[in-house]
C-alpha atoms as a PDB file:
ATOM      1  CA  MET A   1     -14.342 -46.646 -45.327  1.00  0.00           C
ATOM      2  CA  SER A   2     -15.278 -46.491 -49.016  1.00  0.00           C
ATOM      3  CA  THR A   3     -12.863 -45.462 -51.746  1.00  0.00           C
ATOM      4  CA  GLN A   4     -14.768 -42.182 -52.110  1.00  0.00           C
ATOM      5  CA  ASP A   5     -13.941 -41.454 -48.482  1.00  0.00           C
ATOM      6  CA  GLU A   6     -10.294 -42.529 -48.823  1.00  0.00           C
ATOM      7  CA  ILE A   7      -9.632 -40.057 -51.630  1.00  0.00           C
ATOM      8  CA  TYR A   8     -11.789 -37.052 -52.456  1.00  0.00           C
ATOM      9  CA  VAL A   9     -11.852 -33.785 -54.403  1.00  0.00           C
ATOM     10  CA  GLU A  10     -12.723 -30.291 -53.182  1.00  0.00           C
ATOM     11  CA  ARG A  11     -13.143 -27.189 -55.341  1.00  0.00           C
ATOM     12  CA  PHE A  12     -11.803 -23.755 -54.424  1.00  0.00           C
ATOM     13  CA  GLY A  13     -12.824 -21.550 -57.312  1.00  0.00           C
ATOM     14  CA  LYS A  14     -10.841 -22.766 -60.309  1.00  0.00           C
ATOM     15  CA  VAL A  15      -8.537 -24.899 -58.122  1.00  0.00           C
ATOM     16  CA  ALA A  16      -9.279 -28.572 -57.441  1.00  0.00           C
ATOM     17  CA  VAL A  17      -7.676 -30.242 -54.421  1.00  0.00           C
ATOM     18  CA  ILE A  18      -7.305 -34.022 -54.284  1.00  0.00           C
ATOM     19  CA  THR A  19      -6.851 -35.302 -50.721  1.00  0.00           C
ATOM     20  CA  LEU A  20      -5.568 -38.745 -49.752  1.00  0.00           C
ATOM     21  CA  ASN A  21      -7.646 -39.530 -46.680  1.00  0.00           C
ATOM     22  CA  ARG A  22      -6.121 -42.440 -44.779  1.00  0.00           C
ATOM     23  CA  PRO A  23      -4.213 -40.583 -42.051  1.00  0.00           C
ATOM     24  CA  GLU A  24      -4.057 -43.596 -39.727  1.00  0.00           C
ATOM     25  CA  GLN A  25      -2.289 -45.521 -42.512  1.00  0.00           C
ATOM     26  CA  ARG A  26      -0.077 -42.516 -43.356  1.00  0.00           C
ATOM     27  CA  ASN A  27      -2.174 -42.063 -46.485  1.00  0.00           C
ATOM     28  CA  ALA A  28      -0.885 -45.258 -48.079  1.00  0.00           C
ATOM     29  CA  PHE A  29      -2.807 -45.996 -51.258  1.00  0.00           C
ATOM     30  CA  THR A  30      -4.765 -49.111 -52.185  1.00  0.00           C
ATOM     31  CA  PRO A  31      -5.491 -50.450 -55.694  1.00  0.00           C
ATOM     32  CA  SER A  32      -9.018 -49.044 -55.563  1.00  0.00           C
ATOM     33  CA  MET A  33      -7.669 -45.640 -54.561  1.00  0.00           C
ATOM     34  CA  ILE A  34      -5.278 -45.657 -57.505  1.00  0.00           C
ATOM     35  CA  ALA A  35      -8.130 -46.349 -59.931  1.00  0.00           C
ATOM     36  CA  CYS A  36     -10.217 -43.570 -58.394  1.00  0.00           C
ATOM     37  CA  TRP A  37      -7.234 -41.182 -58.306  1.00  0.00           C
ATOM     38  CA  ALA A  38      -6.455 -41.690 -61.992  1.00  0.00           C
ATOM     39  CA  GLU A  39     -10.114 -41.245 -62.889  1.00  0.00           C
ATOM     40  CA  MET A  40     -10.255 -38.001 -60.902  1.00  0.00           C
ATOM     41  CA  LEU A  41      -7.176 -36.685 -62.689  1.00  0.00           C
ATOM     42  CA  ASP A  42      -8.613 -37.475 -66.119  1.00  0.00           C
ATOM     43  CA  GLU A  43     -11.899 -35.765 -65.242  1.00  0.00           C
ATOM     44  CA  LEU A  44     -10.216 -32.697 -63.757  1.00  0.00           C
ATOM     45  CA  GLY A  45      -7.859 -32.492 -66.717  1.00  0.00           C
ATOM     46  CA  LYS A  46     -10.879 -32.171 -69.020  1.00  0.00           C
ATOM     47  CA  ASP A  47     -12.949 -29.940 -66.718  1.00  0.00           C
ATOM     48  CA  LYS A  48     -13.078 -26.431 -68.185  1.00  0.00           C
ATOM     49  CA  ASP A  49     -13.869 -24.985 -64.750  1.00  0.00           C
ATOM     50  CA  VAL A  50     -10.603 -26.295 -63.251  1.00  0.00           C
ATOM     51  CA  ASN A  51      -7.317 -24.583 -64.098  1.00  0.00           C
ATOM     52  CA  VAL A  52      -5.003 -25.956 -61.386  1.00  0.00           C
ATOM     53  CA  ILE A  53      -4.859 -29.306 -59.551  1.00  0.00           C
ATOM     54  CA  VAL A  54      -3.386 -29.663 -56.055  1.00  0.00           C
ATOM     55  CA  THR A  55      -2.712 -32.988 -54.328  1.00  0.00           C
ATOM     56  CA  THR A  56      -2.181 -33.358 -50.580  1.00  0.00           C
ATOM     57  CA  GLY A  57      -2.548 -35.830 -47.724  1.00  0.00           C
ATOM     58  CA  LYS A  58      -4.876 -35.742 -44.750  1.00  0.00           C
ATOM     59  CA  GLY A  59      -3.412 -34.969 -41.347  1.00  0.00           C
ATOM     60  CA  PRO A  60      -0.048 -33.593 -40.254  1.00  0.00           C
ATOM     61  CA  LYS A  61       1.977 -36.824 -40.331  1.00  0.00           C
ATOM     62  CA  ALA A  62       2.094 -37.990 -43.943  1.00  0.00           C
ATOM     63  CA  PHE A  63       1.601 -36.892 -47.513  1.00  0.00           C
ATOM     64  CA  CYS A  64       1.759 -40.510 -48.685  1.00  0.00           C
ATOM     65  CA  SER A  65       3.718 -43.524 -47.478  1.00  0.00           C
ATOM     66  CA  GLY A  66       3.364 -45.352 -50.780  1.00  0.00           C
ATOM     67  CA  ALA A  67       1.469 -48.541 -51.486  1.00  0.00           C
ATOM     68  CA  GLU A  68      -0.378 -50.410 -48.753  1.00  0.00           C
ATOM     69  CA  LEU A  69       2.133 -53.038 -47.585  1.00  0.00           C
ATOM     70  CA  LYS A  70      -0.564 -55.702 -47.406  1.00  0.00           C
ATOM     71  CA  GLY A  71      -0.890 -55.352 -51.154  1.00  0.00           C
ATOM     72  CA  LEU A  72       2.783 -56.230 -51.594  1.00  0.00           C
ATOM     73  CA  GLU A  73       2.350 -59.312 -49.448  1.00  0.00           C
ATOM     74  CA  ASP A  74      -0.640 -60.428 -51.501  1.00  0.00           C
ATOM     75  CA  THR A  75       1.496 -60.518 -54.671  1.00  0.00           C
ATOM     76  CA  SER A  76       4.365 -62.510 -53.142  1.00  0.00           C
ATOM     77  CA  ASN A  77       3.321 -65.648 -55.056  1.00  0.00           C
ATOM     78  CA  ALA A  78       2.603 -63.838 -58.315  1.00  0.00           C
ATOM     79  CA  SER A  79       4.755 -64.327 -61.407  1.00  0.00           C
ATOM     80  CA  ALA A  80       7.140 -61.619 -62.585  1.00  0.00           C
ATOM     81  CA  LEU A  81       4.765 -60.823 -65.462  1.00  0.00           C
ATOM     82  CA  GLN A  82       1.810 -60.511 -63.082  1.00  0.00           C
ATOM     83  CA  ARG A  83       3.778 -58.129 -60.848  1.00  0.00           C
ATOM     84  CA  LYS A  84       4.852 -56.073 -63.856  1.00  0.00           C
ATOM     85  CA  ASN A  85       1.271 -55.827 -65.053  1.00  0.00           C
ATOM     86  CA  GLU A  86       0.138 -54.820 -61.571  1.00  0.00           C
ATOM     87  CA  LEU A  87       2.402 -51.790 -61.816  1.00  0.00           C
ATOM     88  CA  TRP A  88       1.797 -51.000 -65.486  1.00  0.00           C
ATOM     89  CA  GLU A  89      -1.970 -51.546 -65.501  1.00  0.00           C
ATOM     90  CA  HIS A  90      -2.767 -50.164 -62.042  1.00  0.00           C
ATOM     91  CA  ILE A  91      -0.141 -48.260 -60.011  1.00  0.00           C
ATOM     92  CA  HIS A  92       1.216 -46.380 -63.029  1.00  0.00           C
ATOM     93  CA  LYS A  93      -2.247 -45.102 -63.941  1.00  0.00           C
ATOM     94  CA  VAL A  94      -1.662 -41.997 -61.827  1.00  0.00           C
ATOM     95  CA  ALA A  95       1.679 -41.158 -63.467  1.00  0.00           C
ATOM     96  CA  LEU A  96       0.205 -41.668 -66.926  1.00  0.00           C
ATOM     97  CA  ALA A  97      -2.851 -39.560 -66.070  1.00  0.00           C
ATOM     98  CA  MET A  98      -0.582 -36.791 -64.748  1.00  0.00           C
ATOM     99  CA  ASP A  99       1.399 -36.937 -67.984  1.00  0.00           C
ATOM    100  CA  ARG A 100      -1.784 -36.241 -69.978  1.00  0.00           C
ATOM    101  CA  ILE A 101      -2.593 -33.075 -68.016  1.00  0.00           C
ATOM    102  CA  ASP A 102      -1.301 -29.780 -69.357  1.00  0.00           C
ATOM    103  CA  LYS A 103      -2.713 -27.745 -66.472  1.00  0.00           C
ATOM    104  CA  PRO A 104      -0.435 -26.783 -63.554  1.00  0.00           C
ATOM    105  CA  THR A 105      -0.229 -29.445 -60.835  1.00  0.00           C
ATOM    106  CA  ILE A 106       1.082 -28.839 -57.321  1.00  0.00           C
ATOM    107  CA  ALA A 107       1.865 -31.285 -54.518  1.00  0.00           C
ATOM    108  CA  ALA A 108       1.238 -29.820 -51.061  1.00  0.00           C
ATOM    109  CA  VAL A 109       3.553 -32.139 -49.123  1.00  0.00           C
ATOM    110  CA  ASN A 110       2.059 -31.899 -45.643  1.00  0.00           C
ATOM    111  CA  GLY A 111       4.068 -34.722 -44.060  1.00  0.00           C
ATOM    112  CA  VAL A 112       6.318 -37.675 -44.749  1.00  0.00           C
ATOM    113  CA  ALA A 113       6.486 -38.855 -48.374  1.00  0.00           C
ATOM    114  CA  VAL A 114       8.179 -42.237 -48.830  1.00  0.00           C
ATOM    115  CA  GLY A 115       8.815 -44.504 -51.816  1.00  0.00           C
ATOM    116  CA  ALA A 116       5.893 -44.324 -54.215  1.00  0.00           C
ATOM    117  CA  GLY A 117       4.537 -41.536 -52.016  1.00  0.00           C
ATOM    118  CA  MET A 118       7.585 -39.433 -52.851  1.00  0.00           C
ATOM    119  CA  ASP A 119       7.227 -40.426 -56.501  1.00  0.00           C
ATOM    120  CA  MET A 120       3.623 -39.170 -56.413  1.00  0.00           C
ATOM    121  CA  ALA A 121       4.925 -35.778 -55.268  1.00  0.00           C
ATOM    122  CA  LEU A 122       7.622 -35.753 -57.953  1.00  0.00           C
ATOM    123  CA  MET A 123       4.994 -36.251 -60.688  1.00  0.00           C
ATOM    124  CA  ASN A 124       3.623 -32.777 -60.014  1.00  0.00           C
ATOM    125  CA  ASP A 125       4.977 -29.649 -61.666  1.00  0.00           C
ATOM    126  CA  LEU A 126       5.634 -27.964 -58.318  1.00  0.00           C
ATOM    127  CA  ARG A 127       6.096 -29.105 -54.732  1.00  0.00           C
ATOM    128  CA  PHE A 128       5.237 -26.934 -51.725  1.00  0.00           C
ATOM    129  CA  MET A 129       6.358 -28.556 -48.494  1.00  0.00           C
ATOM    130  CA  SER A 130       5.569 -28.311 -44.797  1.00  0.00           C
ATOM    131  CA  SER A 131       8.623 -27.497 -42.693  1.00  0.00           C
ATOM    132  CA  SER A 132       7.901 -30.619 -40.636  1.00  0.00           C
ATOM    133  CA  ALA A 133       7.801 -32.957 -43.655  1.00  0.00           C
ATOM    134  CA  LYS A 134      10.515 -35.335 -44.851  1.00  0.00           C
ATOM    135  CA  LEU A 135      11.139 -37.165 -48.109  1.00  0.00           C
ATOM    136  CA  SER A 136      12.712 -40.526 -48.912  1.00  0.00           C
ATOM    137  CA  GLU A 137      12.743 -42.778 -51.955  1.00  0.00           C
ATOM    138  CA  GLY A 138      13.200 -45.659 -49.530  1.00  0.00           C
ATOM    139  CA  TYR A 139      12.825 -48.527 -52.022  1.00  0.00           C
ATOM    140  CA  VAL A 140      16.412 -49.691 -51.593  1.00  0.00           C
ATOM    141  CA  LYS A 141      15.819 -50.326 -47.888  1.00  0.00           C
ATOM    142  CA  ILE A 142      13.485 -53.174 -48.777  1.00  0.00           C
ATOM    143  CA  GLY A 143      15.587 -54.332 -51.706  1.00  0.00           C
ATOM    144  CA  LEU A 144      13.503 -52.756 -54.478  1.00  0.00           C
ATOM    145  CA  VAL A 145      14.015 -50.386 -57.393  1.00  0.00           C
ATOM    146  CA  PRO A 146      11.888 -47.200 -57.570  1.00  0.00           C
ATOM    147  CA  GLY A 147       8.681 -48.579 -59.033  1.00  0.00           C
ATOM    148  CA  ASP A 148       6.582 -45.494 -59.652  1.00  0.00           C
ATOM    149  CA  GLY A 149       8.733 -43.096 -61.649  1.00  0.00           C
ATOM    150  CA  GLY A 150      11.423 -42.074 -59.176  1.00  0.00           C
ATOM    151  CA  ALA A 151      14.222 -43.022 -61.577  1.00  0.00           C
ATOM    152  CA  TYR A 152      12.572 -40.846 -64.233  1.00  0.00           C
ATOM    153  CA  PHE A 153      11.456 -37.775 -62.289  1.00  0.00           C
ATOM    154  CA  LEU A 154      14.200 -37.379 -59.679  1.00  0.00           C
ATOM    155  CA  PRO A 155      17.213 -36.956 -62.028  1.00  0.00           C
ATOM    156  CA  ARG A 156      15.300 -34.348 -63.990  1.00  0.00           C
ATOM    157  CA  LEU A 157      14.823 -32.311 -60.831  1.00  0.00           C
ATOM    158  CA  VAL A 158      18.130 -32.666 -59.008  1.00  0.00           C
ATOM    159  CA  GLY A 159      20.593 -34.099 -61.552  1.00  0.00           C
ATOM    160  CA  THR A 160      21.899 -37.612 -62.017  1.00  0.00           C
ATOM    161  CA  ALA A 161      24.503 -37.737 -59.243  1.00  0.00           C
ATOM    162  CA  LYS A 162      22.237 -36.353 -56.509  1.00  0.00           C
ATOM    163  CA  ALA A 163      19.365 -38.566 -57.671  1.00  0.00           C
ATOM    164  CA  LEU A 164      21.555 -41.669 -57.462  1.00  0.00           C
ATOM    165  CA  GLU A 165      22.709 -40.656 -53.983  1.00  0.00           C
ATOM    166  CA  LEU A 166      19.098 -40.360 -52.803  1.00  0.00           C
ATOM    167  CA  LEU A 167      17.976 -43.538 -54.567  1.00  0.00           C
ATOM    168  CA  TRP A 168      20.942 -45.637 -53.408  1.00  0.00           C
ATOM    169  CA  SER A 169      20.886 -44.465 -49.796  1.00  0.00           C
ATOM    170  CA  GLY A 170      17.138 -44.217 -49.243  1.00  0.00           C
ATOM    171  CA  ASP A 171      17.968 -41.545 -46.661  1.00  0.00           C
ATOM    172  CA  PHE A 172      15.345 -39.092 -45.490  1.00  0.00           C
ATOM    173  CA  ILE A 173      15.952 -35.478 -46.421  1.00  0.00           C
ATOM    174  CA  ASP A 174      14.470 -32.519 -44.604  1.00  0.00           C
ATOM    175  CA  THR A 175      12.876 -29.437 -46.086  1.00  0.00           C
ATOM    176  CA  GLN A 176      15.989 -27.276 -46.142  1.00  0.00           C
ATOM    177  CA  THR A 177      17.949 -29.921 -48.014  1.00  0.00           C
ATOM    178  CA  ALA A 178      15.051 -30.491 -50.400  1.00  0.00           C
ATOM    179  CA  LEU A 179      14.828 -26.753 -51.013  1.00  0.00           C
ATOM    180  CA  SER A 180      18.570 -26.320 -51.527  1.00  0.00           C
ATOM    181  CA  ILE A 181      18.784 -29.047 -54.203  1.00  0.00           C
ATOM    182  CA  GLY A 182      15.700 -27.843 -56.073  1.00  0.00           C
ATOM    183  CA  LEU A 183      13.518 -30.794 -55.115  1.00  0.00           C
ATOM    184  CA  VAL A 184      10.820 -28.538 -53.665  1.00  0.00           C
ATOM    185  CA  ASN A 185       9.854 -25.003 -54.610  1.00  0.00           C
ATOM    186  CA  ARG A 186       8.691 -23.525 -51.321  1.00  0.00           C
ATOM    187  CA  VAL A 187       8.601 -24.412 -47.628  1.00  0.00           C
ATOM    188  CA  TYR A 188       5.928 -23.215 -45.205  1.00  0.00           C
ATOM    189  CA  ASP A 189       5.021 -23.754 -41.576  1.00  0.00           C
ATOM    190  CA  PRO A 190       2.588 -26.669 -41.267  1.00  0.00           C
ATOM    191  CA  GLU A 191      -0.362 -24.461 -40.332  1.00  0.00           C
ATOM    192  CA  ASN A 192       0.202 -22.227 -43.383  1.00  0.00           C
ATOM    193  CA  LEU A 193       0.954 -24.834 -46.050  1.00  0.00           C
ATOM    194  CA  MET A 194      -2.510 -25.238 -47.572  1.00  0.00           C
ATOM    195  CA  ASP A 195      -3.399 -21.541 -47.372  1.00  0.00           C
ATOM    196  CA  GLU A 196      -0.170 -20.579 -49.119  1.00  0.00           C
ATOM    197  CA  THR A 197      -0.525 -23.359 -51.685  1.00  0.00           C
ATOM    198  CA  LEU A 198      -4.114 -22.363 -52.475  1.00  0.00           C
ATOM    199  CA  GLU A 199      -3.126 -18.712 -52.743  1.00  0.00           C
ATOM    200  CA  PHE A 200      -0.450 -19.529 -55.321  1.00  0.00           C
ATOM    201  CA  ALA A 201      -2.703 -22.028 -57.111  1.00  0.00           C
ATOM    202  CA  SER A 202      -5.501 -19.444 -57.299  1.00  0.00           C
ATOM    203  CA  ARG A 203      -3.076 -16.925 -58.765  1.00  0.00           C
ATOM    204  CA  LEU A 204      -2.281 -19.401 -61.546  1.00  0.00           C
ATOM    205  CA  ALA A 205      -5.915 -20.457 -61.925  1.00  0.00           C
ATOM    206  CA  ASN A 206      -7.002 -16.860 -62.494  1.00  0.00           C
ATOM    207  CA  GLY A 207      -4.157 -16.084 -64.891  1.00  0.00           C
ATOM    208  CA  PRO A 208      -4.084 -16.451 -68.689  1.00  0.00           C
ATOM    209  CA  SER A 209      -4.854 -20.179 -68.639  1.00  0.00           C
ATOM    210  CA  VAL A 210      -4.163 -20.902 -72.311  1.00  0.00           C
ATOM    211  CA  ALA A 211      -0.721 -19.298 -72.083  1.00  0.00           C
ATOM    212  CA  ILE A 212       0.028 -21.088 -68.802  1.00  0.00           C
ATOM    213  CA  ARG A 213      -0.917 -24.458 -70.267  1.00  0.00           C
ATOM    214  CA  MET A 214       1.149 -23.838 -73.406  1.00  0.00           C
ATOM    215  CA  ILE A 215       4.127 -22.837 -71.257  1.00  0.00           C
ATOM    216  CA  LYS A 216       3.869 -26.197 -69.504  1.00  0.00           C
ATOM    217  CA  ARG A 217       3.689 -28.036 -72.822  1.00  0.00           C
ATOM    218  CA  ALA A 218       6.653 -26.122 -74.215  1.00  0.00           C
ATOM    219  CA  VAL A 219       8.847 -26.787 -71.161  1.00  0.00           C
ATOM    220  CA  TYR A 220       8.181 -30.528 -71.051  1.00  0.00           C
ATOM    221  CA  GLN A 221       8.319 -31.000 -74.815  1.00  0.00           C
ATOM    222  CA  ALA A 222      11.570 -29.048 -75.107  1.00  0.00           C
ATOM    223  CA  ARG A 223      13.321 -31.505 -72.773  1.00  0.00           C
ATOM    224  CA  GLN A 224      13.179 -34.061 -75.579  1.00  0.00           C
ATOM    225  CA  MET A 225      14.078 -31.760 -78.473  1.00  0.00           C
ATOM    226  CA  ASP A 226      17.094 -30.078 -79.980  1.00  0.00           C
ATOM    227  CA  VAL A 227      17.110 -26.278 -79.807  1.00  0.00           C
ATOM    228  CA  LYS A 228      16.046 -25.810 -83.438  1.00  0.00           C
ATOM    229  CA  THR A 229      12.967 -28.002 -83.021  1.00  0.00           C
ATOM    230  CA  ALA A 230      12.092 -26.348 -79.689  1.00  0.00           C
ATOM    231  CA  LEU A 231      12.289 -22.878 -81.218  1.00  0.00           C
ATOM    232  CA  ASP A 232      10.184 -23.990 -84.172  1.00  0.00           C
ATOM    233  CA  LEU A 233       7.552 -25.313 -81.772  1.00  0.00           C
ATOM    234  CA  ILE A 234       7.513 -22.214 -79.565  1.00  0.00           C
ATOM    235  CA  SER A 235       7.086 -19.956 -82.603  1.00  0.00           C
ATOM    236  CA  SER A 236       3.810 -21.775 -83.277  1.00  0.00           C
ATOM    237  CA  HIS A 237       2.696 -21.478 -79.647  1.00  0.00           C
ATOM    238  CA  PHE A 238       3.642 -17.791 -79.623  1.00  0.00           C
ATOM    239  CA  SER A 239       1.670 -17.028 -82.777  1.00  0.00           C
ATOM    240  CA  ILE A 240      -1.450 -18.832 -81.532  1.00  0.00           C
ATOM    241  CA  ILE A 241      -1.320 -17.172 -78.099  1.00  0.00           C
ATOM    242  CA  ARG A 242      -1.203 -13.715 -79.672  1.00  0.00           C
ATOM    243  CA  GLU A 243      -4.727 -14.312 -80.982  1.00  0.00           C
ATOM    244  CA  THR A 244      -6.219 -15.029 -77.546  1.00  0.00           C
ATOM    245  CA  ASN A 245      -8.413 -12.548 -75.713  1.00  0.00           C
ATOM    246  CA  ASP A 246      -6.214 -12.909 -72.631  1.00  0.00           C
ATOM    247  CA  HIS A 247      -3.170 -11.640 -74.539  1.00  0.00           C
ATOM    248  CA  LYS A 248      -5.142  -8.688 -75.872  1.00  0.00           C
ATOM    249  CA  GLU A 249      -6.459  -7.956 -72.362  1.00  0.00           C
ATOM    250  CA  GLY A 250      -2.922  -8.169 -70.983  1.00  0.00           C
ATOM    251  CA  ILE A 251      -1.683  -5.597 -73.475  1.00  0.00           C
ATOM    252  CA  ARG A 252      -4.633  -3.261 -72.758  1.00  0.00           C
ATOM    253  CA  ALA A 253      -4.070  -3.573 -69.005  1.00  0.00           C
ATOM    254  CA  MET A 254      -0.369  -2.773 -69.375  1.00  0.00           C
ATOM    255  CA  ILE A 255      -1.129   0.344 -71.431  1.00  0.00           C
ATOM    256  CA  GLU A 256      -3.853   1.428 -69.006  1.00  0.00           C
ATOM    257  CA  LYS A 257      -1.634   0.602 -65.997  1.00  0.00           C
ATOM    258  CA  ARG A 258      -4.154  -1.672 -64.302  1.00  0.00           C
ATOM    259  CA  ARG A 259      -4.421  -5.306 -63.279  1.00  0.00           C
ATOM    260  CA  PRO A 260      -5.558  -7.530 -66.191  1.00  0.00           C
ATOM    261  CA  ASN A 261      -8.865  -9.362 -66.030  1.00  0.00           C
ATOM    262  CA  PHE A 262      -8.090 -12.676 -67.678  1.00  0.00           C
ATOM    263  CA  GLN A 263     -10.987 -14.844 -68.803  1.00  0.00           C
ATOM    264  CA  GLY A 264      -9.104 -17.977 -69.816  1.00  0.00           C
ATOM    265  CA  ASN A 265      -9.495 -17.659 -73.584  1.00  0.00           C
END
């Protein structure tokens, strides 16, 4: 199977869906898949015809089980610097590509997500989860630290204490637990997951895209700012957005009591 078959993109209007396609391997990723995945994200991030990016796994069993274990075995004789560079120069490409995207991103977690597979879900803005899926950081069970952003993303979603509990135990958590601690946004029956995810994604994709992208920027930027700086920044965003055609259309639609027809500008 070629890399293009192991990971591919489909378009649904203004929504792009990236699918990890190694169901027999629980959608574990290989180095070549990572390179292709990061390239896809960069292209979709720049594509003016794509407003929302969804990532999911093929089949009902797994979203992603992390890195192909054979790859870990192959680096057993590598130096510490070589292993660090393997992560920084290859595995982390997806996280860094995601960080460059200001469009909404959604993980449709169709099955088990473990270790780096869970981290890949955490990198997205939102997580919609199948009721049959489970999540685990899992690294600690093989004597590792979370290597793909778990220590960064998880505390920001569930708080420090809960994140440490999940990271230290490596325990699997089910959908209801994930929902109750704010780790996932919505839970659907397996057969409805993609339809519901695409419906929500399409709603965002057909909304005022400039405003939606600036909202994402403002939220993530504000996490690293004091309130005065955040308010100064948002006043600039607010003033720019008021000049967009979508804002003007939104006001007209409200006055005319109809649904707005946003054009993404």
